[in-house]
């Protein structure tokens, strides 16, 4: 084995024989540009076998890879944005619950009866706090805004049927056809559990004088 140092000079590139010769300074390889001033050095046609191969330049990723990565990133961001937007937009069930919660259905009834701006016997009979008690817990939303739960007070607690106004409010918000609302309003305890569908909604309900009427509406 020959351990003597190889003298500086121009040699064939051992890693690419067909490439132009490269300059060996006795320690490392140089490119032609880096060694332009060494043109006077002798050129050997074959490099000694114990010389290390010059490092090959690293190739940058192809443009198609870069654009693919950019496209994937844009698609992910768009998907996240769509998901967040959909999550922030309330469903029709949630909008109906918001419109009919609390004493909203009572206020709507007063407005529709043209009694909003003038005193009446009804206004003298009921205070604001007393009215709110009739609608306490009358409406709720479940299943991420896909299901609406509506209930009225028992007959003993609500002899005038004031809590049933929440049903009228829900009918209006969900465009419930009269064929469905009339059946709900006329349901008796002995009728058992009833069902109906309209548009994208399915409903089930039941009535008992000790519990009132309970209605479940789901968006299919």
Protein backbone atom coordinates (compact mmCIF):
# COMPACT_ATOMS: atom_id res chain seq x y z
CA UNK A 1 0.00 0.00 0.00
CA UNK A 2 1.37 3.42 -1.00
CA UNK A 3 1.04 5.88 1.92
CA UNK A 4 3.09 8.71 0.34
CA UNK A 5 1.10 11.94 -0.17
CA UNK A 6 -0.16 12.60 -3.66
CA UNK A 7 1.38 15.75 -5.09
CA UNK A 8 -0.83 18.67 -5.99
CA UNK A 9 -2.04 18.78 -9.55
CA UNK A 10 -4.90 18.30 -12.00
CA UNK A 11 -6.44 14.84 -11.98
CA UNK A 12 -9.40 13.09 -13.55
CA UNK A 13 -12.42 13.20 -11.24
CA UNK A 14 -12.56 9.70 -9.70
CA UNK A 15 -16.30 10.06 -9.02
CA UNK A 16 -17.08 11.09 -12.62
CA UNK A 17 -14.45 10.05 -15.18
CA UNK A 18 -16.13 11.93 -18.05
CA UNK A 19 -16.21 15.23 -16.14
CA UNK A 20 -13.53 17.93 -16.60
CA UNK A 21 -10.40 17.41 -14.47
CA UNK A 22 -10.32 18.86 -10.98
CA UNK A 23 -7.44 20.28 -9.00
CA UNK A 24 -6.04 18.36 -6.01
CA UNK A 25 -4.01 20.67 -3.71
CA UNK A 26 -2.50 17.81 -1.80
CA UNK A 27 -5.26 17.80 0.80
CA UNK A 28 -8.64 18.57 -0.80
CA UNK A 29 -10.27 18.84 -4.21
CA UNK A 30 -10.98 22.22 -5.87
CA UNK A 31 -13.26 23.17 -8.72
CA UNK A 32 -11.90 24.65 -11.93
CA UNK A 33 -13.23 28.07 -10.99
CA UNK A 34 -11.55 27.96 -7.59
CA UNK A 35 -8.28 26.87 -9.22
CA UNK A 36 -8.20 29.08 -12.33
CA UNK A 37 -4.89 30.56 -11.30
CA UNK A 38 -3.35 27.11 -11.07
CA UNK A 39 -3.61 26.43 -14.81
CA UNK A 40 0.08 25.89 -15.06
CA UNK A 41 -0.05 22.78 -12.87
CA UNK A 42 0.45 19.44 -14.69
CA UNK A 43 -2.57 17.31 -15.52
CA UNK A 44 -2.62 13.61 -14.78
CA UNK A 45 -5.08 11.49 -16.76
CA UNK A 46 -5.82 9.16 -13.89
CA UNK A 47 -6.16 10.03 -10.24
CA UNK A 48 -4.36 7.83 -7.70
CA UNK A 49 -6.76 5.30 -6.27
CA UNK A 50 -6.19 6.37 -2.67
CA UNK A 51 -7.40 9.94 -3.28
CA UNK A 52 -10.84 10.61 -1.74
CA UNK A 53 -13.69 11.23 -4.16
CA UNK A 54 -14.76 14.88 -4.23
CA UNK A 55 -18.04 15.71 -2.49
CA UNK A 56 -20.98 15.92 -4.84
CA UNK A 57 -23.23 19.02 -4.56
CA UNK A 58 -26.52 18.33 -2.82
CA UNK A 59 -29.52 18.70 -5.04
CA UNK A 60 -32.33 20.91 -3.86
CA UNK A 61 -35.86 19.43 -3.93
CA UNK A 62 -37.53 19.65 -7.29
CA UNK A 63 -40.00 22.43 -7.87
CA UNK A 64 -42.82 19.96 -8.10
CA UNK A 65 -42.09 18.80 -4.55
CA UNK A 66 -42.13 22.38 -3.28
CA UNK A 67 -45.41 23.18 -5.03
CA UNK A 68 -46.92 19.91 -3.78
CA UNK A 69 -45.99 20.83 -0.21
CA UNK A 70 -47.46 24.32 -0.68
CA UNK A 71 -50.66 22.86 -2.14
CA UNK A 72 -51.05 20.41 0.74
CA UNK A 73 -50.51 23.23 3.25
CA UNK A 74 -53.15 25.41 1.60
CA UNK A 75 -55.62 22.50 1.54
CA UNK A 76 -55.07 21.81 5.26
CA UNK A 77 -55.53 25.47 6.18
CA UNK A 78 -58.70 25.68 4.06
CA UNK A 79 -60.11 22.54 5.68
CA UNK A 80 -59.42 23.89 9.17
CA UNK A 81 -61.00 27.23 8.26
CA UNK A 82 -64.12 25.53 6.90
CA UNK A 83 -64.44 23.38 10.02
CA UNK A 84 -64.08 26.38 12.33
CA UNK A 85 -66.58 28.39 10.29
CA UNK A 86 -69.15 25.60 10.38
CA UNK A 87 -68.65 25.21 14.12
CA UNK A 88 -69.31 28.93 14.69
CA UNK A 89 -72.49 29.09 12.59
CA UNK A 90 -75.54 28.18 14.74
CA UNK A 91 -77.92 25.53 13.43
CA UNK A 92 -81.59 26.31 12.84
CA UNK A 93 -82.37 24.31 15.98
CA UNK A 94 -80.06 26.57 17.99
CA UNK A 95 -81.56 29.70 16.43
CA UNK A 96 -85.06 28.48 17.31
CA UNK A 97 -84.02 27.82 20.92
CA UNK A 98 -82.49 31.29 21.22
CA UNK A 99 -85.59 32.95 19.75
CA UNK A 100 -87.96 31.09 22.08
CA UNK A 101 -86.01 30.85 25.33
CA UNK A 102 -87.11 32.58 28.52
CA UNK A 103 -90.14 34.81 28.18
CA UNK A 104 -89.55 35.41 24.45
CA UNK A 105 -92.63 33.42 23.44
CA UNK A 106 -94.77 35.44 25.88
CA UNK A 107 -93.40 38.72 24.53
CA UNK A 108 -94.11 37.55 21.00
CA UNK A 109 -97.67 36.68 21.99
CA UNK A 110 -98.19 40.15 23.53
CA UNK A 111 -96.77 41.82 20.42
CA UNK A 112 -98.93 39.80 18.06
CA UNK A 113 -101.99 40.61 20.18
CA UNK A 114 -101.18 44.32 19.80
CA UNK A 115 -100.97 44.74 23.57
CA UNK A 116 -97.29 45.69 23.74
CA UNK A 117 -97.78 49.41 24.29
CA UNK A 118 -101.01 49.54 26.27
CA UNK A 119 -101.99 48.15 29.65
CA UNK A 120 -104.40 45.23 29.70
CA UNK A 121 -106.02 42.91 32.21
CA UNK A 122 -103.39 40.24 31.42
CA UNK A 123 -100.56 42.64 32.25
CA UNK A 124 -102.20 43.38 35.57
CA UNK A 125 -102.56 39.69 36.43
CA UNK A 126 -98.99 38.63 35.77
CA UNK A 127 -95.72 40.16 36.86
CA UNK A 128 -92.49 39.72 34.91
CA UNK A 129 -91.05 37.27 37.46
CA UNK A 130 -94.24 35.22 37.59
CA UNK A 131 -94.34 34.92 33.79
CA UNK A 132 -90.73 33.72 33.70
CA UNK A 133 -91.63 30.83 36.01
CA UNK A 134 -93.98 29.38 33.39
CA UNK A 135 -91.11 29.09 30.88
CA UNK A 136 -88.36 27.96 33.19
CA UNK A 137 -86.65 24.88 31.68
CA UNK A 138 -89.11 24.81 28.79
CA UNK A 139 -86.52 24.58 26.01
CA UNK A 140 -83.06 23.03 25.60
CA UNK A 141 -80.63 22.02 22.85
CA UNK A 142 -78.65 18.76 22.65
CA UNK A 143 -76.54 16.76 20.16
CA UNK A 144 -74.38 19.72 19.14
CA UNK A 145 -77.33 21.78 18.01
CA UNK A 146 -79.16 18.98 16.18
CA UNK A 147 -81.91 18.22 18.74
CA UNK A 148 -84.45 20.51 20.40
CA UNK A 149 -86.26 19.58 23.61
CA UNK A 150 -89.46 21.46 24.43
CA UNK A 151 -91.78 20.96 27.41
CA UNK A 152 -94.83 22.62 28.93
CA UNK A 153 -95.98 22.79 32.55
CA UNK A 154 -98.52 20.33 34.01
CA UNK A 155 -102.15 21.44 34.00
CA UNK A 156 -102.16 21.96 37.79
CA UNK A 157 -99.21 24.35 37.59
CA UNK A 158 -100.40 26.14 34.46
CA UNK A 159 -104.22 26.09 34.27
CA UNK A 160 -104.23 28.82 31.60
CA UNK A 161 -101.74 27.01 29.36
CA UNK A 162 -99.31 29.92 29.25
CA UNK A 163 -96.27 27.65 28.93
CA UNK A 164 -97.73 26.22 25.71
CA UNK A 165 -96.80 29.52 24.02
CA UNK A 166 -93.28 28.15 23.68
CA UNK A 167 -94.70 25.56 21.26
CA UNK A 168 -96.18 28.28 19.05
CA UNK A 169 -92.81 30.02 18.98
CA UNK A 170 -91.00 26.82 17.97
CA UNK A 171 -93.59 26.09 15.27
CA UNK A 172 -92.92 29.50 13.74
CA UNK A 173 -89.12 29.22 13.91
CA UNK A 174 -89.02 25.74 12.35
CA UNK A 175 -91.78 26.35 9.77
CA UNK A 176 -93.83 23.53 11.25
CA UNK A 177 -96.85 22.74 9.03
CA UNK A 178 -100.30 23.01 10.59
CA UNK A 179 -100.93 19.30 9.98
CA UNK A 180 -98.20 18.62 12.58
CA UNK A 181 -98.82 21.47 15.05
CA UNK A 182 -102.55 20.74 15.25
CA UNK A 183 -101.95 17.07 16.03
CA UNK A 184 -99.42 18.01 18.73
CA UNK A 185 -101.84 20.46 20.34
CA UNK A 186 -104.67 17.93 20.41
CA UNK A 187 -102.65 14.97 21.73
CA UNK A 188 -104.13 13.24 24.77
CA UNK A 189 -102.49 11.01 27.35
CA UNK A 190 -104.17 7.90 25.95
CA UNK A 191 -102.75 8.63 22.47
CA UNK A 192 -99.28 7.55 23.57
CA UNK A 193 -96.12 8.68 21.84
CA UNK A 194 -96.70 10.35 18.46
CA UNK A 195 -94.30 11.06 15.58
CA UNK A 196 -94.19 13.24 12.48
CA UNK A 197 -91.71 14.56 9.90
CA UNK A 198 -91.43 17.68 7.73
CA UNK A 199 -88.61 19.17 5.69
CA UNK A 200 -85.39 17.96 7.37
CA UNK A 201 -86.99 17.52 10.80
CA UNK A 202 -88.38 14.53 12.66
CA UNK A 203 -90.46 15.00 15.81
CA UNK A 204 -91.84 12.85 18.58
CA UNK A 205 -94.05 13.94 21.46
CA UNK A 206 -96.29 12.78 24.26
CA UNK A 207 -98.64 14.32 26.81
CA UNK A 208 -99.65 13.61 30.38
CA UNK A 209 -101.61 15.98 32.64
CA UNK A 210 -99.19 15.38 35.49
CA UNK A 211 -96.13 16.22 33.40
CA UNK A 212 -97.33 18.41 30.55
CA UNK A 213 -96.35 17.92 26.93
CA UNK A 214 -92.82 17.05 25.89
CA UNK A 215 -91.65 17.50 22.31
CA UNK A 216 -88.38 16.35 20.73
CA UNK A 217 -87.40 17.74 17.33
CA UNK A 218 -84.28 16.48 15.53
CA UNK A 219 -82.65 17.73 12.37
CA UNK A 220 -81.99 14.68 10.18
